[in-house]
N, C-alpha and C. Protein backbone atom coordinates (compact mmCIF):
# COMPACT_ATOMS: atom_id res chain seq x y z
N MET A 1 49.00 3.20 12.97
CA MET A 1 48.58 4.33 13.79
C MET A 1 47.59 5.21 13.03
N THR A 2 46.52 5.57 13.69
CA THR A 2 45.50 6.42 13.08
C THR A 2 45.76 7.88 13.39
N ASN A 3 45.93 8.67 12.35
CA ASN A 3 46.06 10.11 12.51
C ASN A 3 44.67 10.73 12.50
N VAL A 4 44.43 11.63 13.43
CA VAL A 4 43.14 12.32 13.50
C VAL A 4 43.33 13.77 13.08
N TYR A 5 42.52 14.21 12.12
CA TYR A 5 42.58 15.58 11.62
C TYR A 5 41.27 16.29 11.98
N ILE A 6 41.42 17.44 12.61
CA ILE A 6 40.28 18.28 12.96
C ILE A 6 40.20 19.42 11.96
N ILE A 7 39.05 19.62 11.35
CA ILE A 7 38.88 20.75 10.45
C ILE A 7 37.68 21.58 10.91
N SER A 8 37.92 22.88 11.12
CA SER A 8 36.88 23.79 11.60
C SER A 8 36.83 25.02 10.72
N ALA A 9 35.69 25.69 10.72
CA ALA A 9 35.55 26.91 9.92
C ALA A 9 34.24 27.59 10.27
N PRO A 10 34.17 28.91 10.11
CA PRO A 10 32.88 29.59 10.25
C PRO A 10 31.91 29.09 9.18
N SER A 11 30.64 29.05 9.49
CA SER A 11 29.63 28.65 8.52
C SER A 11 29.71 29.53 7.29
N GLY A 12 29.76 28.91 6.11
CA GLY A 12 29.83 29.66 4.86
C GLY A 12 31.24 29.80 4.31
N SER A 13 32.23 29.23 4.98
CA SER A 13 33.62 29.35 4.55
C SER A 13 33.99 28.38 3.43
N GLY A 14 33.08 27.47 3.08
CA GLY A 14 33.36 26.50 2.04
C GLY A 14 33.98 25.23 2.54
N LYS A 15 33.91 25.01 3.85
CA LYS A 15 34.53 23.82 4.45
C LYS A 15 33.95 22.52 3.90
N SER A 16 32.63 22.44 3.78
CA SER A 16 32.00 21.20 3.33
C SER A 16 32.44 20.84 1.92
N THR A 17 32.55 21.83 1.05
CA THR A 17 32.99 21.57 -0.32
C THR A 17 34.44 21.09 -0.33
N LEU A 18 35.29 21.73 0.46
CA LEU A 18 36.69 21.32 0.55
C LEU A 18 36.81 19.88 1.04
N VAL A 19 36.08 19.58 2.10
CA VAL A 19 36.14 18.23 2.67
C VAL A 19 35.67 17.20 1.65
N SER A 20 34.58 17.50 0.96
CA SER A 20 34.03 16.58 -0.03
C SER A 20 35.04 16.28 -1.13
N LYS A 21 35.70 17.31 -1.62
CA LYS A 21 36.65 17.13 -2.72
C LYS A 21 37.92 16.41 -2.26
N VAL A 22 38.41 16.74 -1.06
CA VAL A 22 39.65 16.12 -0.61
C VAL A 22 39.44 14.64 -0.27
N ARG A 23 38.24 14.30 0.13
CA ARG A 23 37.95 12.89 0.42
C ARG A 23 38.03 12.03 -0.83
N GLU A 24 37.83 12.65 -2.00
CA GLU A 24 37.87 11.92 -3.26
C GLU A 24 39.30 11.62 -3.71
N ILE A 25 40.27 12.37 -3.18
CA ILE A 25 41.64 12.26 -3.71
C ILE A 25 42.68 11.82 -2.68
N VAL A 26 42.32 11.74 -1.42
CA VAL A 26 43.26 11.29 -0.39
C VAL A 26 42.88 9.87 0.03
N PRO A 27 43.75 8.90 -0.24
CA PRO A 27 43.44 7.51 0.09
C PRO A 27 43.54 7.23 1.59
N GLY A 28 42.83 6.20 2.03
CA GLY A 28 42.93 5.76 3.42
C GLY A 28 42.45 6.79 4.42
N LEU A 29 41.48 7.61 4.00
CA LEU A 29 40.98 8.68 4.87
C LEU A 29 39.50 8.45 5.16
N ASP A 30 39.18 8.11 6.40
CA ASP A 30 37.79 7.97 6.81
C ASP A 30 37.24 9.33 7.24
N PHE A 31 35.94 9.46 7.18
CA PHE A 31 35.29 10.72 7.54
C PHE A 31 34.22 10.46 8.57
N SER A 32 34.24 11.25 9.61
CA SER A 32 33.23 11.13 10.65
C SER A 32 32.02 11.99 10.31
N ILE A 33 30.90 11.35 10.06
CA ILE A 33 29.66 12.09 9.80
C ILE A 33 29.04 12.44 11.14
N SER A 34 28.85 13.73 11.37
CA SER A 34 28.35 14.19 12.66
C SER A 34 26.86 13.88 12.83
N TYR A 35 26.47 13.78 14.07
CA TYR A 35 25.06 13.67 14.43
C TYR A 35 24.54 15.06 14.78
N THR A 36 23.30 15.34 14.43
CA THR A 36 22.71 16.64 14.76
C THR A 36 21.21 16.52 14.99
N THR A 37 20.68 17.46 15.76
CA THR A 37 19.24 17.50 15.99
C THR A 37 18.55 18.53 15.10
N ARG A 38 19.32 19.24 14.27
CA ARG A 38 18.68 20.21 13.37
C ARG A 38 18.05 19.49 12.18
N SER A 39 17.19 20.20 11.47
CA SER A 39 16.53 19.63 10.30
C SER A 39 17.44 19.70 9.08
N PRO A 40 17.26 18.80 8.13
CA PRO A 40 18.07 18.85 6.89
C PRO A 40 17.81 20.15 6.12
N ARG A 41 18.85 20.63 5.42
CA ARG A 41 18.73 21.82 4.59
C ARG A 41 18.91 21.43 3.12
N GLY A 42 18.15 22.07 2.26
CA GLY A 42 18.33 21.87 0.82
C GLY A 42 18.30 20.40 0.44
N GLN A 43 19.39 19.93 -0.19
CA GLN A 43 19.46 18.55 -0.68
C GLN A 43 20.17 17.61 0.29
N GLU A 44 20.36 18.04 1.52
CA GLU A 44 21.03 17.18 2.51
C GLU A 44 20.26 15.88 2.72
N GLN A 45 21.01 14.81 2.91
CA GLN A 45 20.41 13.50 3.13
C GLN A 45 20.94 12.88 4.41
N ASN A 46 20.07 12.17 5.10
CA ASN A 46 20.47 11.50 6.33
C ASN A 46 21.54 10.47 6.03
N GLY A 47 22.64 10.52 6.79
CA GLY A 47 23.73 9.58 6.60
C GLY A 47 24.75 10.03 5.58
N ARG A 48 24.51 11.16 4.91
CA ARG A 48 25.49 11.69 3.96
C ARG A 48 26.16 12.93 4.55
N GLU A 49 25.41 14.02 4.72
CA GLU A 49 25.98 15.21 5.36
C GLU A 49 25.99 15.07 6.89
N TYR A 50 24.88 14.56 7.43
CA TYR A 50 24.73 14.36 8.87
C TYR A 50 23.84 13.15 9.12
N PHE A 51 23.89 12.67 10.36
CA PHE A 51 22.84 11.79 10.84
C PHE A 51 21.85 12.69 11.59
N PHE A 52 20.64 12.78 11.09
CA PHE A 52 19.64 13.65 11.68
C PHE A 52 18.80 12.84 12.66
N ILE A 53 18.89 13.20 13.94
CA ILE A 53 18.17 12.47 14.97
C ILE A 53 17.43 13.45 15.87
N THR A 54 16.55 12.93 16.72
CA THR A 54 15.79 13.78 17.62
C THR A 54 16.65 14.21 18.81
N ARG A 55 16.20 15.24 19.49
CA ARG A 55 16.91 15.71 20.67
C ARG A 55 16.96 14.61 21.74
N GLU A 56 15.86 13.88 21.86
CA GLU A 56 15.81 12.80 22.85
C GLU A 56 16.85 11.72 22.53
N GLU A 57 16.95 11.35 21.25
CA GLU A 57 17.93 10.34 20.84
C GLU A 57 19.35 10.82 21.09
N PHE A 58 19.59 12.10 20.80
CA PHE A 58 20.93 12.66 21.01
C PHE A 58 21.30 12.61 22.48
N GLU A 59 20.38 13.01 23.34
CA GLU A 59 20.67 13.02 24.77
C GLU A 59 20.87 11.61 25.33
N GLN A 60 20.20 10.64 24.72
CA GLN A 60 20.43 9.24 25.12
C GLN A 60 21.85 8.81 24.75
N MET A 61 22.34 9.29 23.59
CA MET A 61 23.71 8.98 23.18
C MET A 61 24.72 9.65 24.10
N ILE A 62 24.41 10.86 24.55
CA ILE A 62 25.29 11.54 25.51
C ILE A 62 25.40 10.72 26.79
N GLU A 63 24.26 10.30 27.30
CA GLU A 63 24.22 9.53 28.55
C GLU A 63 24.97 8.21 28.39
N GLY A 64 24.94 7.66 27.18
CA GLY A 64 25.62 6.39 26.94
C GLY A 64 27.10 6.54 26.65
N GLY A 65 27.62 7.78 26.67
CA GLY A 65 29.04 8.01 26.43
C GLY A 65 29.47 7.70 25.00
N GLU A 66 28.54 7.89 24.05
CA GLU A 66 28.82 7.51 22.67
C GLU A 66 29.53 8.58 21.85
N PHE A 67 29.72 9.78 22.44
CA PHE A 67 30.33 10.87 21.68
C PHE A 67 31.77 11.15 22.12
N LEU A 68 32.63 11.40 21.13
CA LEU A 68 33.96 11.93 21.42
C LEU A 68 33.85 13.39 21.84
N GLU A 69 32.92 14.09 21.20
CA GLU A 69 32.65 15.48 21.53
C GLU A 69 31.23 15.80 21.12
N HIS A 70 30.65 16.79 21.79
CA HIS A 70 29.34 17.29 21.38
C HIS A 70 29.18 18.71 21.90
N ALA A 71 28.32 19.45 21.24
CA ALA A 71 28.07 20.84 21.63
C ALA A 71 26.70 21.25 21.13
N GLU A 72 26.19 22.32 21.72
CA GLU A 72 24.92 22.89 21.27
C GLU A 72 25.23 24.19 20.54
N VAL A 73 24.80 24.28 19.28
CA VAL A 73 25.09 25.44 18.42
C VAL A 73 23.79 25.90 17.77
N PHE A 74 23.48 27.18 17.89
CA PHE A 74 22.25 27.73 17.31
C PHE A 74 21.01 26.93 17.75
N GLY A 75 21.04 26.46 18.98
CA GLY A 75 19.87 25.77 19.53
C GLY A 75 19.76 24.31 19.15
N ASN A 76 20.77 23.77 18.45
CA ASN A 76 20.75 22.36 18.06
C ASN A 76 22.03 21.67 18.52
N TYR A 77 21.89 20.38 18.82
CA TYR A 77 23.05 19.58 19.20
C TYR A 77 23.82 19.12 17.95
N TYR A 78 25.14 19.06 18.09
CA TYR A 78 26.01 18.45 17.09
C TYR A 78 27.00 17.57 17.84
N GLY A 79 27.35 16.43 17.28
CA GLY A 79 28.30 15.57 17.99
C GLY A 79 29.02 14.60 17.08
N THR A 80 30.21 14.18 17.52
CA THR A 80 31.04 13.21 16.80
C THR A 80 31.02 11.89 17.55
N ALA A 81 30.54 10.85 16.90
CA ALA A 81 30.42 9.55 17.56
C ALA A 81 31.78 8.87 17.69
N ARG A 82 32.00 8.24 18.81
CA ARG A 82 33.26 7.54 19.09
C ARG A 82 33.50 6.36 18.13
N CYS A 83 32.42 5.79 17.61
CA CYS A 83 32.54 4.60 16.77
C CYS A 83 33.35 4.85 15.50
N PHE A 84 33.36 6.10 15.00
CA PHE A 84 34.11 6.39 13.77
C PHE A 84 35.61 6.26 14.00
N LEU A 85 36.08 6.69 15.16
CA LEU A 85 37.50 6.55 15.48
C LEU A 85 37.85 5.08 15.66
N GLU A 86 37.00 4.35 16.32
CA GLU A 86 37.25 2.93 16.53
C GLU A 86 37.32 2.18 15.20
N GLN A 87 36.43 2.55 14.26
CA GLN A 87 36.42 1.89 12.96
C GLN A 87 37.66 2.24 12.15
N ALA A 88 38.09 3.52 12.21
CA ALA A 88 39.29 3.95 11.48
C ALA A 88 40.52 3.20 12.01
N GLU A 89 40.61 3.07 13.33
CA GLU A 89 41.73 2.34 13.93
C GLU A 89 41.72 0.88 13.49
N LYS A 90 40.55 0.29 13.43
CA LYS A 90 40.42 -1.10 13.00
C LYS A 90 40.87 -1.28 11.56
N ASN A 91 40.56 -0.28 10.70
CA ASN A 91 40.89 -0.37 9.28
C ASN A 91 42.30 0.12 8.96
N GLY A 92 42.99 0.70 9.95
CA GLY A 92 44.30 1.26 9.69
C GLY A 92 44.24 2.54 8.87
N HIS A 93 43.14 3.27 8.97
CA HIS A 93 42.95 4.50 8.21
C HIS A 93 43.14 5.72 9.11
N ASP A 94 43.30 6.88 8.47
CA ASP A 94 43.26 8.14 9.19
C ASP A 94 41.81 8.60 9.27
N LEU A 95 41.54 9.57 10.16
CA LEU A 95 40.16 10.02 10.37
C LEU A 95 40.09 11.53 10.32
N LEU A 96 39.15 12.04 9.51
CA LEU A 96 38.93 13.47 9.38
C LEU A 96 37.65 13.85 10.11
N LEU A 97 37.76 14.82 11.02
CA LEU A 97 36.61 15.30 11.80
C LEU A 97 36.25 16.71 11.37
N ASP A 98 35.02 16.91 10.96
CA ASP A 98 34.50 18.21 10.56
C ASP A 98 33.68 18.74 11.74
N ILE A 99 34.32 19.60 12.57
CA ILE A 99 33.66 20.05 13.81
C ILE A 99 33.96 21.52 14.08
N ASP A 100 33.14 22.12 14.94
CA ASP A 100 33.31 23.54 15.26
C ASP A 100 34.38 23.73 16.33
N VAL A 101 34.61 24.98 16.70
CA VAL A 101 35.71 25.27 17.63
C VAL A 101 35.47 24.67 19.01
N GLN A 102 34.20 24.58 19.44
CA GLN A 102 33.92 23.94 20.73
C GLN A 102 34.32 22.47 20.70
N GLY A 103 33.88 21.79 19.64
CA GLY A 103 34.21 20.37 19.50
C GLY A 103 35.70 20.14 19.34
N ALA A 104 36.35 21.05 18.60
CA ALA A 104 37.80 20.91 18.39
C ALA A 104 38.55 20.96 19.71
N ALA A 105 38.13 21.86 20.59
CA ALA A 105 38.78 21.97 21.90
C ALA A 105 38.59 20.68 22.71
N GLN A 106 37.41 20.10 22.61
CA GLN A 106 37.15 18.84 23.33
C GLN A 106 38.02 17.71 22.79
N ILE A 107 38.12 17.63 21.46
CA ILE A 107 38.93 16.58 20.85
C ILE A 107 40.40 16.73 21.22
N LYS A 108 40.92 17.97 21.15
CA LYS A 108 42.33 18.20 21.48
C LYS A 108 42.60 17.84 22.94
N GLY A 109 41.59 18.02 23.80
CA GLY A 109 41.75 17.65 25.20
C GLY A 109 41.88 16.15 25.38
N LYS A 110 41.16 15.40 24.54
CA LYS A 110 41.18 13.93 24.63
C LYS A 110 42.27 13.31 23.76
N LEU A 111 42.56 13.97 22.61
CA LEU A 111 43.55 13.46 21.66
C LEU A 111 44.53 14.58 21.33
N PRO A 112 45.49 14.85 22.21
CA PRO A 112 46.42 15.98 22.00
C PRO A 112 47.22 15.91 20.70
N SER A 113 47.40 14.71 20.16
CA SER A 113 48.19 14.57 18.94
C SER A 113 47.38 14.88 17.68
N ALA A 114 46.08 15.11 17.81
CA ALA A 114 45.25 15.42 16.65
C ALA A 114 45.75 16.68 15.96
N VAL A 115 45.74 16.68 14.64
CA VAL A 115 46.19 17.83 13.84
C VAL A 115 44.99 18.70 13.53
N SER A 116 45.07 20.00 13.86
CA SER A 116 43.92 20.89 13.68
C SER A 116 44.14 21.87 12.54
N ILE A 117 43.09 22.07 11.76
CA ILE A 117 43.13 22.93 10.57
C ILE A 117 41.94 23.88 10.63
N PHE A 118 42.20 25.16 10.50
CA PHE A 118 41.12 26.15 10.53
C PHE A 118 40.99 26.77 9.14
N ILE A 119 39.76 26.75 8.60
CA ILE A 119 39.48 27.32 7.28
C ILE A 119 38.93 28.73 7.46
N LEU A 120 39.54 29.68 6.75
CA LEU A 120 39.10 31.07 6.82
C LEU A 120 38.61 31.55 5.45
N PRO A 121 37.60 32.40 5.43
CA PRO A 121 37.23 33.06 4.17
C PRO A 121 38.24 34.17 3.88
N PRO A 122 38.30 34.69 2.66
CA PRO A 122 39.25 35.77 2.35
C PRO A 122 39.00 37.04 3.14
N ASP A 123 37.74 37.29 3.51
CA ASP A 123 37.37 38.45 4.33
C ASP A 123 35.90 38.32 4.71
N ARG A 124 35.44 39.21 5.56
CA ARG A 124 34.06 39.14 6.04
C ARG A 124 33.06 39.35 4.90
N ARG A 125 33.36 40.27 4.00
CA ARG A 125 32.42 40.55 2.90
C ARG A 125 32.17 39.31 2.06
N THR A 126 33.24 38.55 1.79
CA THR A 126 33.11 37.32 1.02
C THR A 126 32.28 36.30 1.77
N LEU A 127 32.50 36.19 3.07
CA LEU A 127 31.73 35.25 3.88
C LEU A 127 30.24 35.60 3.83
N GLU A 128 29.94 36.88 3.99
CA GLU A 128 28.54 37.31 3.96
C GLU A 128 27.91 36.99 2.60
N ALA A 129 28.64 37.23 1.52
CA ALA A 129 28.12 36.94 0.18
C ALA A 129 27.84 35.45 0.02
N ARG A 130 28.74 34.61 0.53
CA ARG A 130 28.53 33.17 0.42
C ARG A 130 27.30 32.72 1.20
N LEU A 131 27.11 33.28 2.38
CA LEU A 131 25.93 32.93 3.18
C LEU A 131 24.66 33.33 2.46
N ARG A 132 24.66 34.50 1.85
CA ARG A 132 23.46 34.97 1.14
C ARG A 132 23.21 34.15 -0.12
N ASN A 133 24.27 33.76 -0.80
CA ASN A 133 24.11 33.00 -2.04
C ASN A 133 23.56 31.60 -1.81
N ARG A 134 23.70 31.10 -0.58
CA ARG A 134 23.16 29.78 -0.28
C ARG A 134 21.63 29.78 -0.29
N SER A 135 21.05 30.97 0.02
CA SER A 135 19.59 31.15 0.04
C SER A 135 18.90 30.14 0.96
N LEU A 136 19.58 29.79 2.03
CA LEU A 136 19.03 28.80 2.95
C LEU A 136 18.53 29.42 4.25
N ASP A 137 19.01 30.63 4.55
CA ASP A 137 18.77 31.19 5.87
C ASP A 137 18.06 32.55 5.79
N ALA A 138 17.27 32.82 6.82
CA ALA A 138 16.63 34.13 6.94
C ALA A 138 17.68 35.16 7.34
N GLU A 139 17.35 36.45 7.20
CA GLU A 139 18.32 37.52 7.47
C GLU A 139 18.85 37.47 8.90
N ASN A 140 17.97 37.22 9.86
CA ASN A 140 18.43 37.19 11.25
C ASN A 140 19.40 36.03 11.49
N VAL A 141 19.19 34.92 10.76
CA VAL A 141 20.10 33.78 10.89
C VAL A 141 21.46 34.12 10.29
N ILE A 142 21.45 34.81 9.15
CA ILE A 142 22.70 35.22 8.51
C ILE A 142 23.50 36.13 9.43
N GLN A 143 22.83 37.10 10.04
CA GLN A 143 23.51 38.02 10.95
C GLN A 143 24.06 37.29 12.17
N ASN A 144 23.30 36.30 12.64
CA ASN A 144 23.76 35.50 13.78
C ASN A 144 24.99 34.70 13.41
N ARG A 145 25.01 34.15 12.19
CA ARG A 145 26.15 33.37 11.74
C ARG A 145 27.39 34.26 11.56
N LEU A 146 27.19 35.47 11.09
CA LEU A 146 28.32 36.40 10.93
C LEU A 146 28.90 36.78 12.29
N ALA A 147 28.02 37.01 13.25
CA ALA A 147 28.48 37.35 14.60
C ALA A 147 29.23 36.17 15.22
N THR A 148 28.70 34.96 15.00
CA THR A 148 29.36 33.76 15.51
C THR A 148 30.71 33.56 14.84
N ALA A 149 30.77 33.84 13.52
CA ALA A 149 32.03 33.72 12.79
C ALA A 149 33.11 34.61 13.40
N SER A 150 32.73 35.83 13.75
CA SER A 150 33.69 36.76 14.36
C SER A 150 34.26 36.20 15.66
N ARG A 151 33.40 35.54 16.44
CA ARG A 151 33.87 34.93 17.70
C ARG A 151 34.72 33.70 17.44
N GLU A 152 34.31 32.88 16.47
CA GLU A 152 35.06 31.66 16.18
C GLU A 152 36.47 31.97 15.66
N ILE A 153 36.55 32.99 14.82
CA ILE A 153 37.84 33.35 14.23
C ILE A 153 38.86 33.75 15.29
N GLU A 154 38.38 34.24 16.41
CA GLU A 154 39.29 34.61 17.50
C GLU A 154 40.08 33.40 18.01
N ASN A 155 39.62 32.19 17.69
CA ASN A 155 40.28 30.97 18.16
C ASN A 155 41.34 30.44 17.20
N TYR A 156 41.65 31.20 16.15
CA TYR A 156 42.53 30.68 15.10
C TYR A 156 43.90 30.26 15.63
N GLU A 157 44.39 30.93 16.67
CA GLU A 157 45.73 30.61 17.17
C GLU A 157 45.80 29.24 17.86
N LYS A 158 44.67 28.63 18.12
CA LYS A 158 44.65 27.32 18.75
C LYS A 158 44.85 26.20 17.72
N TYR A 159 44.90 26.56 16.44
CA TYR A 159 44.99 25.56 15.38
C TYR A 159 46.42 25.47 14.83
N ASP A 160 46.75 24.28 14.33
CA ASP A 160 48.09 24.04 13.78
C ASP A 160 48.27 24.66 12.40
N TYR A 161 47.22 24.57 11.59
CA TYR A 161 47.27 25.09 10.22
C TYR A 161 46.11 26.05 9.99
N ILE A 162 46.36 27.08 9.17
CA ILE A 162 45.32 28.01 8.75
C ILE A 162 45.28 28.00 7.23
N LEU A 163 44.11 27.70 6.68
CA LEU A 163 43.94 27.64 5.23
C LEU A 163 42.92 28.69 4.81
N VAL A 164 43.36 29.67 4.03
CA VAL A 164 42.45 30.71 3.53
C VAL A 164 41.81 30.19 2.25
N ASN A 165 40.50 29.99 2.29
CA ASN A 165 39.78 29.42 1.15
C ASN A 165 39.35 30.53 0.20
N ASP A 166 40.29 30.90 -0.66
CA ASP A 166 40.02 31.95 -1.64
C ASP A 166 39.68 31.33 -2.99
N ARG A 167 40.62 30.58 -3.55
CA ARG A 167 40.40 29.86 -4.81
C ARG A 167 40.29 28.37 -4.51
N LEU A 168 39.16 27.78 -4.87
CA LEU A 168 38.82 26.43 -4.46
C LEU A 168 39.86 25.39 -4.86
N GLU A 169 40.27 25.37 -6.12
CA GLU A 169 41.22 24.35 -6.56
C GLU A 169 42.53 24.43 -5.79
N GLU A 170 43.01 25.65 -5.57
CA GLU A 170 44.24 25.83 -4.81
C GLU A 170 44.06 25.38 -3.37
N SER A 171 42.90 25.69 -2.79
CA SER A 171 42.63 25.31 -1.40
C SER A 171 42.56 23.79 -1.24
N VAL A 172 41.97 23.12 -2.23
CA VAL A 172 41.90 21.65 -2.19
C VAL A 172 43.31 21.07 -2.20
N GLU A 173 44.18 21.60 -3.05
CA GLU A 173 45.55 21.09 -3.13
C GLU A 173 46.32 21.35 -1.84
N MET A 174 46.08 22.49 -1.20
CA MET A 174 46.77 22.79 0.05
C MET A 174 46.29 21.87 1.17
N LEU A 175 44.98 21.64 1.23
CA LEU A 175 44.45 20.74 2.24
C LEU A 175 44.96 19.32 2.02
N LYS A 176 45.02 18.91 0.77
CA LYS A 176 45.58 17.59 0.44
C LYS A 176 47.03 17.50 0.92
N ALA A 177 47.81 18.55 0.70
CA ALA A 177 49.21 18.55 1.12
C ALA A 177 49.34 18.43 2.63
N ILE A 178 48.47 19.11 3.36
CA ILE A 178 48.51 19.05 4.83
C ILE A 178 48.22 17.62 5.31
N LEU A 179 47.15 17.03 4.78
CA LEU A 179 46.75 15.69 5.23
C LEU A 179 47.80 14.64 4.88
N LEU A 180 48.28 14.67 3.64
CA LEU A 180 49.29 13.69 3.23
C LEU A 180 50.63 13.95 3.92
N GLY A 181 50.96 15.23 4.11
CA GLY A 181 52.22 15.57 4.77
C GLY A 181 52.26 15.09 6.20
N GLU A 182 51.18 15.29 6.93
CA GLU A 182 51.13 14.84 8.32
C GLU A 182 51.15 13.31 8.40
N HIS A 183 50.51 12.66 7.43
CA HIS A 183 50.54 11.20 7.40
C HIS A 183 51.97 10.70 7.17
N LEU A 184 52.68 11.34 6.26
CA LEU A 184 54.07 10.96 5.98
C LEU A 184 54.94 11.14 7.22
N LYS A 185 54.78 12.25 7.91
CA LYS A 185 55.59 12.50 9.11
C LYS A 185 55.35 11.41 10.16
N ALA A 186 54.10 10.96 10.26
CA ALA A 186 53.76 9.96 11.28
C ALA A 186 54.38 8.61 10.98
N THR A 187 54.71 8.36 9.72
CA THR A 187 55.31 7.06 9.38
C THR A 187 56.74 6.95 9.87
N GLY A 188 57.42 8.09 10.02
CA GLY A 188 58.79 8.10 10.48
C GLY A 188 59.81 7.59 9.47
N LYS A 189 59.37 7.37 8.24
CA LYS A 189 60.29 6.84 7.23
C LYS A 189 61.10 7.97 6.57
N GLN A 190 62.18 7.60 5.90
CA GLN A 190 62.95 8.58 5.15
C GLN A 190 62.15 9.00 3.93
N LEU A 191 62.06 10.32 3.72
CA LEU A 191 61.19 10.83 2.67
C LEU A 191 61.93 11.07 1.37
N SER A 192 61.22 10.85 0.27
CA SER A 192 61.76 11.13 -1.06
C SER A 192 61.69 12.63 -1.32
N ARG A 193 62.31 13.08 -2.40
CA ARG A 193 62.26 14.50 -2.75
C ARG A 193 60.83 14.99 -2.98
N PRO A 194 59.98 14.26 -3.74
CA PRO A 194 58.60 14.71 -3.91
C PRO A 194 57.84 14.79 -2.59
N GLU A 195 58.12 13.84 -1.69
CA GLU A 195 57.45 13.86 -0.39
C GLU A 195 57.92 15.05 0.44
N MET A 196 59.17 15.39 0.37
CA MET A 196 59.68 16.56 1.07
C MET A 196 59.09 17.84 0.49
N ASP A 197 58.90 17.86 -0.82
CA ASP A 197 58.26 19.01 -1.45
C ASP A 197 56.82 19.16 -0.97
N LEU A 198 56.15 18.03 -0.79
CA LEU A 198 54.78 18.04 -0.28
C LEU A 198 54.72 18.62 1.13
N LEU A 199 55.67 18.20 1.97
CA LEU A 199 55.73 18.74 3.33
C LEU A 199 55.99 20.24 3.31
N ALA A 200 56.86 20.69 2.42
CA ALA A 200 57.16 22.11 2.31
C ALA A 200 55.93 22.90 1.90
N LYS A 201 55.13 22.32 1.03
CA LYS A 201 53.89 22.97 0.60
C LYS A 201 52.91 23.11 1.77
N ALA A 202 52.79 22.04 2.54
CA ALA A 202 51.91 22.08 3.70
C ALA A 202 52.36 23.14 4.71
N GLU A 203 53.68 23.26 4.87
CA GLU A 203 54.22 24.22 5.83
C GLU A 203 53.83 25.67 5.52
N GLN A 204 53.47 25.94 4.28
CA GLN A 204 53.04 27.28 3.92
C GLN A 204 51.79 27.70 4.69
N CYS A 205 51.01 26.70 5.13
CA CYS A 205 49.78 26.98 5.87
C CYS A 205 49.97 26.85 7.38
N ARG A 206 51.16 26.52 7.81
CA ARG A 206 51.42 26.43 9.25
C ARG A 206 51.16 27.79 9.88
N LEU A 207 50.55 27.81 11.07
CA LEU A 207 50.14 29.05 11.71
C LEU A 207 51.25 30.10 11.71
N ARG A 208 52.45 29.70 12.08
CA ARG A 208 53.54 30.67 12.20
C ARG A 208 53.91 31.30 10.86
N ASN A 209 53.53 30.63 9.76
CA ASN A 209 53.91 31.13 8.44
C ASN A 209 52.84 31.95 7.74
N VAL A 210 51.67 32.08 8.37
CA VAL A 210 50.56 32.80 7.71
C VAL A 210 50.09 34.02 8.49
N ARG A 211 50.76 34.32 9.59
CA ARG A 211 50.28 35.41 10.45
C ARG A 211 50.13 36.73 9.70
N GLU A 212 51.11 37.04 8.85
CA GLU A 212 51.05 38.32 8.13
C GLU A 212 49.86 38.35 7.17
N ARG A 213 49.62 37.25 6.49
CA ARG A 213 48.50 37.19 5.55
C ARG A 213 47.16 37.30 6.27
N LEU A 214 47.11 36.85 7.51
CA LEU A 214 45.85 36.84 8.25
C LEU A 214 45.41 38.22 8.72
N GLN A 215 46.34 39.13 8.86
CA GLN A 215 46.01 40.42 9.48
C GLN A 215 44.86 41.16 8.79
N PRO A 216 44.87 41.34 7.46
CA PRO A 216 43.74 42.03 6.83
C PRO A 216 42.43 41.26 6.93
N ILE A 217 42.51 39.91 6.96
CA ILE A 217 41.29 39.11 7.11
C ILE A 217 40.68 39.33 8.49
N LEU A 218 41.51 39.25 9.51
CA LEU A 218 41.03 39.47 10.87
C LEU A 218 40.50 40.89 11.04
N ALA A 219 41.20 41.85 10.43
CA ALA A 219 40.79 43.25 10.54
C ALA A 219 39.42 43.48 9.92
N SER A 220 39.09 42.74 8.86
CA SER A 220 37.78 42.93 8.21
C SER A 220 36.64 42.53 9.13
N PHE A 221 36.89 41.55 10.00
CA PHE A 221 35.86 41.14 10.95
C PHE A 221 35.79 42.10 12.13
N VAL A 222 36.93 42.60 12.56
CA VAL A 222 36.96 43.58 13.66
C VAL A 222 36.26 44.85 13.23
N ALA A 223 36.52 45.31 12.00
CA ALA A 223 35.92 46.55 11.50
C ALA A 223 34.41 46.45 11.44
N SER A 224 33.90 45.24 11.10
CA SER A 224 32.45 45.07 10.98
C SER A 224 31.75 45.18 12.33
N ALA A 225 32.51 44.99 13.40
CA ALA A 225 31.92 45.04 14.74
C ALA A 225 31.90 46.46 15.29
N THR A 226 32.54 47.39 14.62
CA THR A 226 32.57 48.78 15.08
C THR A 226 31.45 49.57 14.44
N PRO A 227 31.00 50.71 15.04
CA PRO A 227 29.92 51.49 14.48
C PRO A 227 30.24 51.91 13.05
N GLY A 228 29.29 51.60 12.15
CA GLY A 228 29.46 51.97 10.75
C GLY A 228 30.31 50.99 9.97
N GLY A 229 30.84 49.97 10.66
CA GLY A 229 31.72 49.02 9.99
C GLY A 229 30.92 47.99 9.21
N ARG A 230 31.55 47.39 8.20
CA ARG A 230 30.94 46.33 7.40
C ARG A 230 31.91 45.16 7.32
């Protein structure tokens, strides 16, 4: 059985770094590389971070029913090809999807058993600093991404797990625990003590267990939307 994991986050939350590192340490985990019509940024390479295609090519794939999900974000298309799920099922692997909240909703509609994980920054100020440190975007783009982040974060309750990406090494270990823990549960086998400890670690990020910690993070985004707020 192929387990499907959805991972979403506001731009600048460190999701790509987390995904890259966890893919190196979790066995039997395939990754769906998204298709997009936007141009490559920085050192991005076609077929590594994304498949970069034209708008016409993307729309032909839509018409051909080749996407599990797709959406238009910041004027560009993004989509998850169905072939990655088919390949993971053929190989007996799990599949990790790196998609936004629109795509996550589409996937959950088609695959209700998919496990969803939302990555949050420690607060809005940290997110803004990360966006600026990337030096990839103009000021208006940064402000647009911050505004979009505020809207995306409102969807956090739709996710099974919430991971606050404060310290990278700790976040990698927590994400690893979630992925391996969910895989273990799906096997239905009797778990050893270390495996039960792994599940307990993952449960720390379960939505119901992080609500109190989330309050100041959510408040930092709400405050920025009010007059004089940052």
